[in-house]
Amino acid sequence: MPASGSRVSKSLKRIGLFVALSLAMNGSVGTVVLAQESGRASDQPSFIRDAEIENYLHALADPIYRAADITPSSITINIVESNVVNAFVADGMNEFFYTGLLQLTDTPEQLAGVIAHETGHIAGGHLIRSREEMRNASAEAIFGMIIAVAAGAASGNGGAAAGAMSGSEQIAERSFLSFSRTVEASADAAGMSFLDRAGITSRGMLEFFKKLQGQELMPTSQQDAYVRTHPLTRDRIDAVQDHLDHSKYKDAKLDEKFYVMHERMKAKLMGYLQPETVLLRYTDNDKRLSTRYARAIALYRTSQADHALTVTDGLIKEEPDNPYFHELKGQILFENGRTEQSIDSYKKANDLLPHSALLREAYGHALLESKDNDKLDAAVEQLQEANRLEERTPIVWHLLASAWGRKAELTKKTEFEAMATYALAEEAEAQGKDRAAQQLAERAMKGLPKGSVYWLRAQDIKLSTTSDSASDKDKKQFSGGKPLSDANH
């Protein structure tokens, strides 16, 4: 159990507090807008982790990455919770998509057009060459660092913000200038060539640009962030139209499964982020699967667990081999105190989708929360597998620290206590808290067998962090923090 005692939503999981940050980190940041929505604090990013949405985005994006001669597994896709319409790339191989943009797209082709454009920035080298710290940090820590510098740029004191980020003076304020129209056009051209190579029409890119085109006539303060940071011009839109007119893929259609996945992504996001709207708009009489999916989530989000479970059971009956429906059932049960029942649902989800780090994490967390000491080793096994599948996830290290801490209490073995301390060092490093990571790693090494795998990794952490790092107090505000429960957020 996490030290905080809070439960973590595994299906659609928020990390950190809310920030509405309009920027395009394509090597240079566009107009920076630090905002506050719904009364939430705007000093930390809010990420969403969701196995289904991330798998869909990769299924859509991977052919585009391969067309750009980029190994798909080298790209990390991150989802930012915000009504802001924006997308950007940062630290070389991190792509960030705002939920506002995902929900605005009508078709998978439109989303593919955005992905292709952002991939054009990566392939074109339009990126900040990051510091070692950013290469080591988790995505939420990276985003926090971006926010720190963006805030400095907005205040006219970018150097001071960079200085607060442990020697990041290399990221100067001049790096936060808007992209030129030439660079945007270059990314368009590259993106369209990638789409052609992947056999995907560029029509979606054109449709998305036209969807936003009218905003260019609006005052800057009223424009979507994507328009401010990706200036749309008539020439750019005409170039996409001309390419489409001469492309043999202009009328190509994606496989039907992508339309299903796109519809369910939007239904899931709406269910989680606008549950009241879903319940007003759709009733139990609406038999469409996507709307029932949205309703099940919205009912759960509005504390109607029993009704949500009834709808979810109906979805499972219709698609018994859908891992995400079993995951949703597990989440509803878990977050309503029915931990033992949730374990079976999470196990089924993992059996159906064994290579998902997020599902492994959810299963391991449920096993850990069960308080059954006989399930402790199984919890550790699932969490270690989650770590193998996806490195540098702070919450997994936090849960492992809890598991090993309990094993230390049960067995009275100091080695498990040292392993728990080591896991906390990994968590701190992933969050960009160098000083804490160094101190925890030094402490762990004293109790771990010298030369063991964990001892060597603790030594690596110690050597990779420096004594002159920013204090934890300074850096904590830039990290994603611990995951928060959707139910408690």
Protein backbone atom coordinates (compact mmCIF):
# COMPACT_ATOMS: atom_id res chain seq x y z
CA MET A 1 0.00 0.00 0.00
CA PRO A 2 1.41 3.45 -0.85
CA ALA A 3 2.57 5.52 2.06
CA SER A 4 -0.17 8.02 1.37
CA GLY A 5 -2.80 5.33 1.63
CA SER A 6 -4.54 6.67 -1.47
CA ARG A 7 -5.75 4.35 -4.15
CA VAL A 8 -4.63 4.72 -7.70
CA SER A 9 -6.93 4.63 -10.68
CA LYS A 10 -5.43 2.21 -13.17
CA SER A 11 -7.63 2.65 -16.20
CA LEU A 12 -7.46 6.39 -16.63
CA LYS A 13 -4.82 7.51 -14.16
CA ARG A 14 -3.89 11.07 -13.36
CA ILE A 15 -0.36 11.87 -12.31
CA GLY A 16 0.30 15.07 -10.43
CA LEU A 17 -1.88 18.16 -10.19
CA PHE A 18 -3.40 20.11 -13.04
CA VAL A 19 -1.60 22.47 -15.36
CA ALA A 20 -2.92 24.09 -18.49
CA LEU A 21 0.22 24.93 -20.40
CA SER A 22 -0.03 25.98 -24.02
CA LEU A 23 3.32 25.39 -25.60
CA ALA A 24 4.91 23.57 -28.47
CA MET A 25 8.10 21.94 -27.33
CA ASN A 26 9.28 21.13 -30.83
CA GLY A 27 12.80 22.16 -29.98
CA SER A 28 11.49 25.67 -29.52
CA VAL A 29 8.41 26.58 -27.59
CA GLY A 30 5.67 28.71 -29.01
CA THR A 31 3.47 31.13 -27.14
CA VAL A 32 3.44 30.20 -23.49
CA VAL A 33 0.17 30.41 -21.61
CA LEU A 34 0.07 29.32 -18.00
CA ALA A 35 -3.57 28.94 -17.07
CA GLN A 36 -5.83 27.67 -14.33
CA GLU A 37 -9.00 25.69 -14.98
CA SER A 38 -11.77 24.55 -12.66
CA GLY A 39 -10.04 26.12 -9.70
CA ARG A 40 -7.20 23.64 -9.76
CA ALA A 41 -3.63 24.60 -8.98
CA SER A 42 -1.57 25.29 -12.07
CA ASP A 43 1.88 24.55 -10.69
CA GLN A 44 2.20 20.90 -11.74
CA PRO A 45 1.35 18.89 -14.83
CA SER A 46 -1.47 16.39 -14.95
CA PHE A 47 -0.86 13.32 -17.03
CA ILE A 48 -3.30 10.59 -17.90
CA ARG A 49 -2.10 7.01 -18.21
CA ASP A 50 -4.42 4.58 -19.93
CA ALA A 51 -3.46 1.27 -21.53
CA GLU A 52 -6.27 1.34 -24.09
CA ILE A 53 -5.70 4.89 -25.32
CA GLU A 54 -1.92 4.53 -25.39
CA ASN A 55 -2.18 1.26 -27.31
CA TYR A 56 -4.49 2.91 -29.83
CA LEU A 57 -2.18 5.87 -30.29
CA HIS A 58 0.78 3.56 -30.86
CA ALA A 59 -1.19 1.37 -33.26
CA LEU A 60 -2.00 4.50 -35.28
CA ALA A 61 1.42 6.11 -34.93
CA ASP A 62 3.84 3.20 -35.28
CA PRO A 63 3.50 2.90 -39.09
CA ILE A 64 4.20 6.63 -39.30
CA TYR A 65 7.29 6.30 -37.08
CA ARG A 66 8.57 3.41 -39.19
CA ALA A 67 7.98 5.45 -42.35
CA ALA A 68 10.19 8.13 -40.77
CA ASP A 69 12.89 5.51 -40.04
CA ILE A 70 12.22 5.86 -36.31
CA THR A 71 11.97 2.79 -34.08
CA PRO A 72 8.45 2.96 -32.62
CA SER A 73 9.56 1.70 -29.20
CA SER A 74 11.91 4.69 -28.91
CA ILE A 75 8.95 7.10 -28.86
CA THR A 76 7.10 7.71 -25.59
CA ILE A 77 3.53 8.92 -26.04
CA ASN A 78 2.23 11.08 -23.19
CA ILE A 79 -1.33 12.29 -22.63
CA VAL A 80 -1.90 15.62 -20.88
CA GLU A 81 -5.27 16.26 -19.27
CA SER A 82 -6.44 19.65 -20.46
CA ASN A 83 -9.21 21.17 -22.56
CA VAL A 84 -6.43 23.00 -24.39
CA VAL A 85 -6.04 21.84 -28.00
CA ASN A 86 -2.35 21.17 -28.48
CA ALA A 87 0.39 18.65 -29.16
CA PHE A 88 4.16 18.91 -29.01
CA VAL A 89 7.40 16.96 -28.83
CA ALA A 90 10.13 17.30 -26.21
CA ASP A 91 13.43 15.79 -25.17
CA GLY A 92 13.99 14.06 -28.45
CA MET A 93 11.56 11.19 -28.31
CA ASN A 94 8.61 12.29 -26.14
CA GLU A 95 5.35 13.19 -27.86
CA PHE A 96 2.66 14.93 -25.80
CA PHE A 97 -1.02 15.02 -26.80
CA TYR A 98 -3.62 17.05 -24.93
CA THR A 99 -7.01 15.48 -24.27
CA GLY A 100 -8.58 18.59 -25.79
CA LEU A 101 -6.92 17.76 -29.10
CA LEU A 102 -7.75 14.06 -28.93
CA GLN A 103 -11.40 14.86 -28.33
CA LEU A 104 -11.49 17.45 -31.12
CA THR A 105 -10.42 14.98 -33.81
CA ASP A 106 -13.34 13.35 -35.61
CA THR A 107 -11.48 10.51 -37.33
CA PRO A 108 -8.31 8.47 -36.90
CA GLU A 109 -7.00 10.09 -40.11
CA GLN A 110 -7.19 13.53 -38.49
CA LEU A 111 -5.25 12.30 -35.49
CA ALA A 112 -2.76 10.56 -37.78
CA GLY A 113 -2.20 13.91 -39.50
CA VAL A 114 -1.28 15.54 -36.19
CA ILE A 115 1.03 12.64 -35.29
CA ALA A 116 2.71 12.83 -38.70
CA HIS A 117 3.29 16.58 -38.33
CA GLU A 118 4.85 16.18 -34.88
CA THR A 119 6.96 13.29 -36.17
CA GLY A 120 8.14 15.66 -38.90
CA HIS A 121 9.60 17.87 -36.17
CA ILE A 122 11.43 14.89 -34.68
CA ALA A 123 12.80 13.71 -38.01
CA GLY A 124 13.77 17.25 -38.92
CA GLY A 125 15.85 17.68 -35.79
CA HIS A 126 13.74 20.61 -34.59
CA LEU A 127 14.39 19.65 -30.98
CA ILE A 128 16.24 20.84 -27.94
CA ARG A 129 19.19 18.56 -27.25
CA SER A 130 18.44 17.64 -23.69
CA ARG A 131 20.60 17.44 -20.60
CA GLU A 132 21.58 14.14 -19.05
CA GLU A 133 19.05 14.77 -16.29
CA MET A 134 16.20 15.02 -18.77
CA ARG A 135 17.31 11.82 -20.47
CA ASN A 136 17.16 10.05 -17.14
CA ALA A 137 13.93 11.58 -15.87
CA SER A 138 10.40 10.32 -16.30
CA ALA A 139 8.04 12.06 -18.69
CA GLU A 140 6.25 13.91 -15.90
CA ALA A 141 9.57 15.21 -14.55
CA ILE A 142 10.55 16.33 -18.05
CA PHE A 143 7.23 18.13 -18.46
CA GLY A 144 7.74 19.78 -15.08
CA MET A 145 11.13 21.05 -16.20
CA ILE A 146 9.57 22.41 -19.38
CA ILE A 147 6.96 24.20 -17.29
CA ALA A 148 9.66 25.77 -15.11
CA VAL A 149 11.50 27.23 -18.09
CA ALA A 150 8.26 28.18 -19.83
CA ALA A 151 7.18 30.07 -16.72
CA GLY A 152 10.51 31.87 -16.70
CA ALA A 153 10.15 32.75 -20.35
CA ALA A 154 6.64 34.06 -19.76
CA SER A 155 7.89 36.23 -16.90
CA GLY A 156 10.89 37.45 -18.86
CA ASN A 157 13.27 35.61 -16.56
CA GLY A 158 13.99 32.38 -18.42
CA GLY A 159 17.54 32.25 -17.12
CA ALA A 160 16.37 32.21 -13.52
CA ALA A 161 13.90 29.41 -14.22
CA ALA A 162 16.60 27.43 -15.95
CA GLY A 163 18.93 27.98 -13.01
CA ALA A 164 16.32 26.51 -10.68
CA MET A 165 16.42 23.35 -12.75
CA SER A 166 19.83 22.10 -11.62
CA GLY A 167 22.16 23.65 -14.13
CA SER A 168 19.92 23.78 -17.16
CA GLU A 169 21.37 27.05 -18.40
CA GLN A 170 21.80 25.37 -21.80
CA ILE A 171 18.05 25.73 -22.30
CA ALA A 172 18.14 29.47 -22.80
CA GLU A 173 15.15 31.73 -23.06
CA ARG A 174 15.80 32.13 -26.77
CA SER A 175 14.89 28.43 -27.15
CA PHE A 176 11.33 29.35 -26.30
CA LEU A 177 10.61 31.36 -29.43
CA SER A 178 7.73 30.47 -31.68
CA PHE A 179 8.46 28.15 -34.55
CA SER A 180 8.79 29.87 -37.88
CA ARG A 181 6.27 29.22 -40.59
CA THR A 182 9.09 27.70 -42.62
CA VAL A 183 9.74 25.07 -39.96
CA GLU A 184 6.03 24.32 -39.65
CA ALA A 185 5.75 23.90 -43.42
CA SER A 186 8.80 21.61 -43.33
CA ALA A 187 7.14 19.45 -40.68
CA ASP A 188 3.98 19.34 -42.80
CA ALA A 189 5.91 18.17 -45.87
CA ALA A 190 7.78 15.52 -43.92
CA GLY A 191 4.58 14.38 -42.24
CA MET A 192 2.77 14.01 -45.55
CA SER A 193 5.63 11.95 -46.97
CA PHE A 194 5.50 9.68 -43.92
CA LEU A 195 1.74 9.28 -44.34
CA ASP A 196 2.22 8.30 -48.00
CA ARG A 197 4.87 5.74 -47.09
CA ALA A 198 2.52 4.32 -44.46
CA GLY A 199 -0.34 4.19 -46.96
CA ILE A 200 -2.42 6.71 -44.97
CA THR A 201 -4.25 9.60 -46.61
CA SER A 202 -3.23 13.18 -45.84
CA ARG A 203 -6.90 14.14 -45.93
CA GLY A 204 -7.04 14.01 -42.14
CA MET A 205 -4.24 16.55 -41.83
CA LEU A 206 -6.09 18.87 -44.20
CA GLU A 207 -9.39 18.42 -42.36
CA PHE A 208 -7.80 19.13 -39.00
CA PHE A 209 -6.07 22.27 -40.28
CA LYS A 210 -9.32 23.52 -41.82
CA LYS A 211 -11.08 22.83 -38.53
CA LEU A 212 -8.72 25.31 -36.86
CA GLN A 213 -8.14 27.70 -39.76
CA GLY A 214 -10.87 30.17 -38.85
CA GLN A 215 -9.20 30.87 -35.52
CA GLU A 216 -6.39 32.79 -37.21
CA LEU A 217 -8.82 35.71 -37.52
CA MET A 218 -9.62 35.65 -33.81
CA PRO A 219 -7.72 37.58 -31.12
CA THR A 220 -4.68 35.61 -29.96
CA SER A 221 -6.13 35.19 -26.48
CA GLN A 222 -9.13 33.33 -27.95
CA GLN A 223 -7.22 31.03 -30.26
CA ASP A 224 -6.55 27.38 -29.48
CA ALA A 225 -3.00 26.70 -28.37
CA TYR A 226 -2.36 24.59 -31.44
CA VAL A 227 -3.02 27.59 -33.66
CA ARG A 228 -0.80 29.86 -31.56
CA THR A 229 2.08 27.41 -31.46
CA HIS A 230 1.63 25.96 -34.95
CA PRO A 231 0.79 29.05 -37.03
CA LEU A 232 -1.58 28.02 -39.82
CA THR A 233 -1.26 29.93 -43.08
CA ARG A 234 -3.14 29.77 -46.33
CA ASP A 235 0.09 28.63 -48.01
CA ARG A 236 0.45 25.69 -45.63
CA ILE A 237 -3.12 24.56 -46.15
CA ASP A 238 -2.80 24.97 -49.93
CA ALA A 239 0.37 22.86 -49.86
CA VAL A 240 -1.44 20.04 -48.06
CA GLN A 241 -4.34 20.28 -50.53
CA ASP A 242 -1.93 20.13 -53.48
CA HIS A 243 -0.17 17.11 -52.02
CA LEU A 244 -3.48 15.38 -51.43
CA ASP A 245 -4.65 16.07 -54.99
CA HIS A 246 -1.58 14.27 -56.36
CA SER A 247 -1.36 11.45 -53.82
CA LYS A 248 -2.43 7.96 -54.76
CA TYR A 249 -3.53 7.54 -51.15
CA LYS A 250 -5.93 10.51 -51.16
CA ASP A 251 -8.96 8.24 -50.82
CA ALA A 252 -7.30 5.53 -48.74
CA LYS A 253 -9.26 4.32 -45.72
CA LEU A 254 -7.78 2.90 -42.56
CA ASP A 255 -8.83 -0.50 -41.30
CA GLU A 256 -12.22 -0.43 -39.61
CA LYS A 257 -10.63 -1.28 -36.26
CA PHE A 258 -9.09 2.21 -36.09
CA TYR A 259 -12.51 3.86 -36.31
CA VAL A 260 -13.72 1.64 -33.48
CA MET A 261 -10.66 2.45 -31.37
CA HIS A 262 -11.00 6.17 -32.08
CA GLU A 263 -14.67 6.19 -31.10
CA ARG A 264 -13.93 4.31 -27.87
CA MET A 265 -11.04 6.62 -27.02
CA LYS A 266 -13.34 9.62 -27.25
CA ALA A 267 -16.08 7.83 -25.30
CA LYS A 268 -13.63 6.89 -22.55
CA LEU A 269 -12.20 10.40 -22.27
CA MET A 270 -15.67 11.90 -22.14
CA GLY A 271 -16.79 9.41 -19.52
CA TYR A 272 -13.86 10.23 -17.28
CA LEU A 273 -13.51 13.94 -17.89
CA GLN A 274 -17.15 15.01 -18.43
CA PRO A 275 -19.20 12.34 -16.62
CA GLU A 276 -22.17 14.59 -15.90
CA THR A 277 -22.42 15.52 -19.57
CA VAL A 278 -22.39 11.85 -20.57
CA LEU A 279 -25.20 10.98 -18.17
CA LEU A 280 -27.31 13.87 -19.43
CA ARG A 281 -26.66 13.09 -23.07
CA TYR A 282 -26.98 9.29 -23.08
CA THR A 283 -29.49 7.01 -21.36
CA ASP A 284 -29.67 3.29 -20.74
CA ASN A 285 -31.87 3.09 -23.83
CA ASP A 286 -28.90 3.97 -26.05
CA LYS A 287 -27.59 0.57 -27.11
CA ARG A 288 -24.46 1.71 -28.94
CA LEU A 289 -21.43 0.06 -27.37
CA SER A 290 -19.34 3.23 -27.26
CA THR A 291 -22.06 5.20 -25.44
CA ARG A 292 -22.60 2.33 -22.99
CA TYR A 293 -18.85 2.36 -22.39
CA ALA A 294 -18.95 6.09 -21.71
CA ARG A 295 -21.96 5.62 -19.39
CA ALA A 296 -20.29 2.84 -17.41
CA ILE A 297 -17.30 5.08 -16.79
CA ALA A 298 -19.45 8.13 -16.03
CA LEU A 299 -21.56 6.16 -13.54
CA TYR A 300 -18.40 4.97 -11.79
CA ARG A 301 -17.01 8.52 -11.77
CA THR A 302 -20.22 9.81 -10.16
CA SER A 303 -20.13 7.19 -7.36
CA GLN A 304 -22.81 4.94 -8.84
CA ALA A 305 -20.68 1.81 -8.61
CA ASP A 306 -23.42 -0.83 -8.69
CA HIS A 307 -25.05 0.66 -11.77
CA ALA A 308 -21.63 1.05 -13.38
CA LEU A 309 -20.85 -2.62 -12.73
CA THR A 310 -24.17 -3.69 -14.29
CA VAL A 311 -23.38 -1.76 -17.48
CA THR A 312 -19.78 -3.02 -17.50
CA ASP A 313 -20.94 -6.63 -17.10
CA GLY A 314 -23.12 -6.07 -20.17
CA LEU A 315 -20.07 -4.89 -22.12
CA ILE A 316 -18.08 -7.93 -20.99
CA LYS A 317 -20.91 -10.26 -22.03
CA GLU A 318 -20.81 -8.71 -25.50
CA GLU A 319 -17.00 -8.74 -25.77
CA PRO A 320 -15.68 -11.28 -23.23
CA ASP A 321 -12.14 -11.09 -24.59
CA ASN A 322 -11.82 -7.31 -24.32
CA PRO A 323 -9.11 -6.70 -21.67
CA TYR A 324 -10.14 -3.08 -21.15
CA PHE A 325 -13.66 -3.99 -20.06
CA HIS A 326 -12.24 -6.39 -17.46
CA GLU A 327 -9.79 -3.66 -16.42
CA LEU A 328 -12.67 -1.20 -15.96
CA LYS A 329 -14.55 -3.71 -13.81
CA GLY A 330 -11.43 -4.26 -11.72
CA GLN A 331 -10.99 -0.53 -11.29
CA ILE A 332 -14.59 0.04 -10.20
CA LEU A 333 -14.33 -2.77 -7.66
CA PHE A 334 -10.89 -1.72 -6.43
CA GLU A 335 -11.76 1.91 -5.90
CA ASN A 336 -14.95 1.00 -4.07
CA GLY A 337 -13.22 -1.12 -1.46
CA ARG A 338 -13.86 -4.52 -3.08
CA THR A 339 -10.19 -5.32 -3.47
CA GLU A 340 -10.44 -9.12 -3.37
CA GLN A 341 -13.10 -9.10 -6.11
CA SER A 342 -11.03 -6.71 -8.24
CA ILE A 343 -8.10 -9.14 -8.31
CA ASP A 344 -9.97 -11.63 -10.51
CA SER A 345 -10.89 -8.91 -13.00
CA TYR A 346 -7.36 -7.57 -13.15
CA LYS A 347 -6.01 -11.10 -13.60
CA LYS A 348 -8.37 -11.65 -16.53
CA ALA A 349 -7.30 -8.35 -18.11
CA ASN A 350 -3.64 -9.35 -17.77
CA ASP A 351 -4.25 -12.80 -19.20
CA LEU A 352 -5.82 -11.15 -22.25
CA LEU A 353 -3.16 -8.44 -22.61
CA PRO A 354 0.01 -9.75 -20.91
CA HIS A 355 2.44 -7.19 -22.31
CA SER A 356 0.85 -4.07 -20.78
CA ALA A 357 2.90 -2.45 -18.03
CA LEU A 358 -0.13 -0.51 -16.82
CA LEU A 359 -2.26 -3.63 -16.44
CA ARG A 360 0.58 -5.38 -14.60
CA GLU A 361 0.84 -2.38 -12.29
CA ALA A 362 -2.91 -2.44 -11.63
CA TYR A 363 -2.88 -6.16 -10.89
CA GLY A 364 0.17 -5.85 -8.64
CA HIS A 365 -1.36 -2.94 -6.76
CA ALA A 366 -4.59 -4.86 -6.13
CA LEU A 367 -2.62 -7.85 -4.85
CA LEU A 368 -0.65 -5.53 -2.57
CA GLU A 369 -3.76 -3.81 -1.24
CA SER A 370 -5.44 -7.14 -0.47
CA LYS A 371 -3.49 -7.32 2.82
CA ASP A 372 -3.14 -11.07 2.23
CA ASN A 373 0.52 -11.76 2.95
CA ASP A 374 0.32 -14.88 0.81
CA LYS A 375 -0.25 -12.59 -2.19
CA LEU A 376 2.77 -10.41 -1.45
CA ASP A 377 5.25 -12.33 -3.62
CA ALA A 378 2.76 -12.34 -6.49
CA ALA A 379 2.38 -8.57 -6.11
CA VAL A 380 6.15 -8.11 -6.30
CA GLU A 381 6.28 -10.36 -9.37
CA GLN A 382 3.65 -8.31 -11.20
CA LEU A 383 5.28 -4.99 -10.28
CA GLN A 384 8.71 -6.18 -11.36
CA GLU A 385 7.24 -7.29 -14.67
CA ALA A 386 5.63 -3.86 -15.04
CA ASN A 387 9.08 -2.36 -14.50
CA ARG A 388 10.59 -4.63 -17.11
CA LEU A 389 7.95 -3.65 -19.65
CA GLU A 390 8.18 0.07 -18.93
CA GLU A 391 11.12 1.61 -17.12
CA ARG A 392 11.20 4.76 -15.04
CA THR A 393 7.62 4.71 -13.73
CA PRO A 394 7.69 6.36 -10.28
CA ILE A 395 4.48 4.79 -8.94
CA VAL A 396 5.69 1.25 -9.65
CA TRP A 397 8.85 1.88 -7.64
CA HIS A 398 6.72 3.38 -4.88
CA LEU A 399 4.55 0.27 -4.77
CA LEU A 400 7.61 -1.99 -4.80
CA ALA A 401 9.00 -0.02 -1.87
CA SER A 402 5.76 -0.71 -0.01
CA ALA A 403 5.87 -4.41 -0.87
CA TRP A 404 9.50 -4.85 0.15
CA GLY A 405 8.86 -2.81 3.28
CA ARG A 406 6.11 -5.25 4.26
CA LYS A 407 8.37 -8.19 3.54
CA ALA A 408 10.98 -6.62 5.81
CA GLU A 409 8.40 -6.38 8.60
CA LEU A 410 7.29 -9.98 8.10
CA THR A 411 10.72 -11.58 7.75
CA LYS A 412 12.77 -9.17 9.88
CA LYS A 413 15.40 -9.31 7.12
CA THR A 414 17.37 -6.08 6.68
CA GLU A 415 17.99 -6.90 3.02
CA PHE A 416 14.30 -6.30 2.22
CA GLU A 417 14.45 -3.01 4.09
CA ALA A 418 17.42 -2.02 1.93
CA MET A 419 15.53 -3.07 -1.21
CA ALA A 420 12.63 -0.86 -0.15
CA THR A 421 15.04 2.05 0.28
CA TYR A 422 16.57 1.29 -3.12
CA ALA A 423 13.09 1.37 -4.72
CA LEU A 424 12.48 4.80 -3.18
CA ALA A 425 15.80 5.93 -4.69
CA GLU A 426 14.58 4.80 -8.12
CA GLU A 427 11.31 6.64 -7.56
CA ALA A 428 13.13 9.83 -6.58
CA GLU A 429 15.44 9.69 -9.60
CA ALA A 430 12.53 9.09 -11.98
CA GLN A 431 10.87 12.19 -10.54
CA GLY A 432 14.03 14.25 -11.02
CA LYS A 433 14.76 14.55 -7.28
CA ASP A 434 18.50 14.04 -7.51
CA ARG A 435 19.47 14.87 -3.95
CA ALA A 436 16.90 12.52 -2.42
CA ALA A 437 17.83 9.81 -4.92
CA GLN A 438 21.50 10.08 -4.02
CA GLN A 439 20.86 9.92 -0.28
CA LEU A 440 18.49 6.96 -0.59
CA ALA A 441 20.87 5.09 -2.90
CA GLU A 442 23.75 5.54 -0.43
CA ARG A 443 21.58 4.22 2.39
CA ALA A 444 20.39 1.25 0.33
CA MET A 445 23.93 0.22 -0.61
CA LYS A 446 24.77 -0.27 3.06
CA GLY A 447 22.18 -3.03 3.40
CA LEU A 448 22.33 -4.68 -0.05
CA PRO A 449 24.76 -7.51 -0.85
CA LYS A 450 27.78 -5.87 -2.46
CA GLY A 451 27.93 -6.60 -6.17
CA SER A 452 24.27 -7.70 -6.39
CA VAL A 453 22.05 -6.37 -9.17
CA TYR A 454 20.27 -3.91 -6.88
CA TRP A 455 23.53 -2.82 -5.23
CA LEU A 456 25.03 -2.06 -8.66
CA ARG A 457 21.94 -0.13 -9.72
CA ALA A 458 21.99 1.86 -6.46
CA GLN A 459 25.62 2.67 -7.18
CA ASP A 460 24.62 3.87 -10.66
CA ILE A 461 22.02 6.17 -9.12
CA LYS A 462 24.56 7.53 -6.66
CA LEU A 463 27.09 8.22 -9.42
CA SER A 464 24.54 9.75 -11.81
CA THR A 465 23.32 12.29 -9.27
CA THR A 466 25.38 15.18 -7.97
CA SER A 467 25.64 16.84 -4.60
CA ASP A 468 24.94 20.25 -6.11
CA SER A 469 21.55 19.19 -7.49
CA ALA A 470 18.57 21.40 -6.84
CA SER A 471 16.99 20.73 -3.46
CA ASP A 472 14.04 18.39 -3.25
CA LYS A 473 11.93 21.36 -2.27
CA ASP A 474 12.85 23.16 -5.47
CA LYS A 475 12.54 20.14 -7.73
CA LYS A 476 9.38 18.68 -6.25
CA GLN A 477 7.32 21.40 -7.87
CA PHE A 478 8.60 20.36 -11.27
CA SER A 479 7.94 16.63 -10.94
CA GLY A 480 4.76 14.77 -11.65
CA GLY A 481 4.48 13.60 -8.05
CA LYS A 482 2.66 10.47 -6.97
CA PRO A 483 -0.35 9.26 -8.87
CA LEU A 484 -3.65 10.40 -7.43
CA SER A 485 -6.83 8.42 -7.35
CA ASP A 486 -9.46 9.48 -9.85
CA ALA A 487 -11.93 8.89 -7.07
CA ASN A 488 -10.15 11.35 -4.81
CA HIS A 489 -9.09 13.92 -7.38
